[in-house]
């Protein structure tokens, strides 16, 4: 299986794959925190999700489902804005949906998938400027060298 991140940042994707589980968890947290600094979102459970990620743990199923439900709802709002031709709302809602999906992904059980998928979702919010997410990933990987 090719991770989406491999198509965008192949070298960093390979380094994530080679990292140990604790480092992969650090990457997932780092990209989510970076992403939220660029695309702030507020939903119920987000603070709990971030606190969980900061401990290096996975989220329980209820928390993951709650965040994923918020991401799905944001996706629905994005599609509605797209159908209505509201480009400003469309861009904002796309980014919000991707950020919430990144948080849900970061809470996942498999640390490699959590890091890869969260990073891929966050990069999709960056309008092609990958310098910030690249820096966040590199910083999180430093302990794995």
Protein backbone atom coordinates (compact mmCIF):
# COMPACT_ATOMS: atom_id res chain seq x y z
CA UNK A 1 0.00 0.00 0.00
CA UNK A 2 1.30 3.45 -0.92
CA UNK A 3 0.61 6.12 1.67
CA UNK A 4 -0.74 9.39 0.33
CA UNK A 5 2.14 11.21 2.01
CA UNK A 6 4.56 9.21 -0.16
CA UNK A 7 3.23 11.00 -3.22
CA UNK A 8 3.85 14.43 -1.68
CA UNK A 9 6.83 14.09 0.69
CA UNK A 10 8.45 10.76 -0.20
CA UNK A 11 11.66 11.17 1.82
CA UNK A 12 9.85 12.16 5.01
CA UNK A 13 7.26 9.46 4.46
CA UNK A 14 10.03 6.86 4.29
CA UNK A 15 11.60 8.24 7.47
CA UNK A 16 8.25 8.04 9.25
CA UNK A 17 7.86 4.42 8.14
CA UNK A 18 11.31 3.59 9.53
CA UNK A 19 10.78 5.34 12.86
CA UNK A 20 9.81 3.58 16.05
CA UNK A 21 6.25 3.75 17.35
CA UNK A 22 6.95 6.52 19.88
CA UNK A 23 8.48 8.70 17.18
CA UNK A 24 5.56 8.02 14.86
CA UNK A 25 3.23 9.19 17.64
CA UNK A 26 5.34 12.36 18.01
CA UNK A 27 4.98 12.99 14.28
CA UNK A 28 1.20 12.56 14.46
CA UNK A 29 1.00 15.06 17.32
CA UNK A 30 3.41 17.51 15.68
CA UNK A 31 1.52 17.66 12.40
CA UNK A 32 -1.83 18.01 14.15
CA UNK A 33 -0.57 20.83 16.37
CA UNK A 34 1.05 22.56 13.42
CA UNK A 35 -2.08 22.14 11.33
CA UNK A 36 -4.34 23.51 14.04
CA UNK A 37 -2.08 26.55 14.35
CA UNK A 38 -2.78 27.24 10.67
CA UNK A 39 -6.40 26.07 10.46
CA UNK A 40 -8.00 26.52 13.88
CA UNK A 41 -11.09 24.43 14.48
CA UNK A 42 -13.20 23.95 17.60
CA UNK A 43 -15.33 20.90 18.17
CA UNK A 44 -16.39 18.97 21.22
CA UNK A 45 -13.72 16.46 22.17
CA UNK A 46 -10.84 18.27 20.47
CA UNK A 47 -9.15 19.28 23.74
CA UNK A 48 -9.44 15.71 25.00
CA UNK A 49 -8.04 14.42 21.71
CA UNK A 50 -5.04 16.75 21.93
CA UNK A 51 -4.43 15.82 25.56
CA UNK A 52 -4.51 12.14 24.58
CA UNK A 53 -2.09 12.70 21.71
CA UNK A 54 0.28 14.62 24.00
CA UNK A 55 0.57 11.53 26.23
CA UNK A 56 1.57 9.43 23.22
CA UNK A 57 -1.56 7.31 23.50
CA UNK A 58 -4.30 6.36 21.07
CA UNK A 59 -7.79 7.66 21.53
CA UNK A 60 -10.51 5.35 22.71
CA UNK A 61 -13.10 4.36 20.13
CA UNK A 62 -15.70 6.83 21.42
CA UNK A 63 -13.28 9.76 21.13
CA UNK A 64 -12.11 8.72 17.65
CA UNK A 65 -15.71 8.33 16.49
CA UNK A 66 -16.67 11.72 17.92
CA UNK A 67 -13.86 13.50 16.09
CA UNK A 68 -14.52 11.53 12.89
CA UNK A 69 -18.22 12.46 13.09
CA UNK A 70 -17.23 16.13 13.32
CA UNK A 71 -14.93 15.63 10.30
CA UNK A 72 -17.76 13.97 8.36
CA UNK A 73 -20.10 16.84 9.21
CA UNK A 74 -17.47 19.35 8.04
CA UNK A 75 -17.13 17.37 4.81
CA UNK A 76 -20.90 17.59 4.30
CA UNK A 77 -20.79 21.37 4.83
CA UNK A 78 -17.89 21.52 2.36
CA UNK A 79 -19.86 19.61 -0.29
CA UNK A 80 -22.89 21.87 0.28
CA UNK A 81 -20.72 24.98 -0.19
CA UNK A 82 -19.22 23.42 -3.30
CA UNK A 83 -22.69 22.73 -4.71
CA UNK A 84 -23.74 26.30 -3.90
CA UNK A 85 -20.66 27.75 -5.61
CA UNK A 86 -19.52 29.48 -2.42
CA UNK A 87 -15.77 29.38 -3.04
CA UNK A 88 -14.74 31.19 0.15
CA UNK A 89 -16.74 28.84 2.36
CA UNK A 90 -15.68 25.87 0.24
CA UNK A 91 -11.97 26.49 0.86
CA UNK A 92 -12.43 27.09 4.60
CA UNK A 93 -14.66 24.06 5.09
CA UNK A 94 -12.34 21.81 3.07
CA UNK A 95 -9.47 22.77 5.35
CA UNK A 96 -11.56 22.30 8.50
CA UNK A 97 -12.68 18.84 7.35
CA UNK A 98 -9.11 17.82 6.54
CA UNK A 99 -7.89 19.06 9.95
CA UNK A 100 -10.56 17.15 11.83
CA UNK A 101 -9.80 14.05 9.79
CA UNK A 102 -6.12 14.51 10.67
CA UNK A 103 -6.99 14.56 14.38
CA UNK A 104 -9.13 11.44 14.04
CA UNK A 105 -6.35 9.71 12.09
CA UNK A 106 -3.72 10.72 14.65
CA UNK A 107 -5.78 9.00 17.36
CA UNK A 108 -5.63 5.69 15.46
CA UNK A 109 -4.26 2.45 16.88
CA UNK A 110 -1.48 1.90 14.32
CA UNK A 111 1.19 4.57 15.00
CA UNK A 112 2.64 4.43 11.47
CA UNK A 113 -0.76 4.90 9.86
CA UNK A 114 -1.64 7.61 12.40
CA UNK A 115 1.46 9.62 11.49
CA UNK A 116 1.22 9.06 7.74
CA UNK A 117 -2.48 9.79 7.43
CA UNK A 118 -2.50 12.78 9.77
CA UNK A 119 0.46 14.31 7.91
CA UNK A 120 -1.22 13.73 4.56
CA UNK A 121 -4.45 15.38 5.69
CA UNK A 122 -2.63 18.39 7.18
CA UNK A 123 -0.52 18.93 4.06
CA UNK A 124 -3.77 19.15 2.08
CA UNK A 125 -4.66 22.28 4.07
CA UNK A 126 -1.45 24.12 3.23
CA UNK A 127 -2.20 25.51 -0.24
CA UNK A 128 0.95 23.91 -1.64
CA UNK A 129 3.36 25.47 0.90
CA UNK A 130 4.81 22.42 2.63
CA UNK A 131 7.60 24.20 4.51
CA UNK A 132 5.74 24.33 7.83
CA UNK A 133 4.60 20.73 7.85
CA UNK A 134 8.01 19.60 6.63
CA UNK A 135 9.61 21.41 9.56
CA UNK A 136 7.10 19.91 12.03
CA UNK A 137 7.80 16.39 10.77
CA UNK A 138 11.57 16.87 10.77
CA UNK A 139 11.52 18.22 14.31
CA UNK A 140 9.43 15.26 15.52
CA UNK A 141 11.80 12.82 13.80
CA UNK A 142 14.94 14.30 15.40
CA UNK A 143 14.78 11.92 18.35
CA UNK A 144 14.78 8.95 15.98
CA UNK A 145 18.15 9.62 14.33
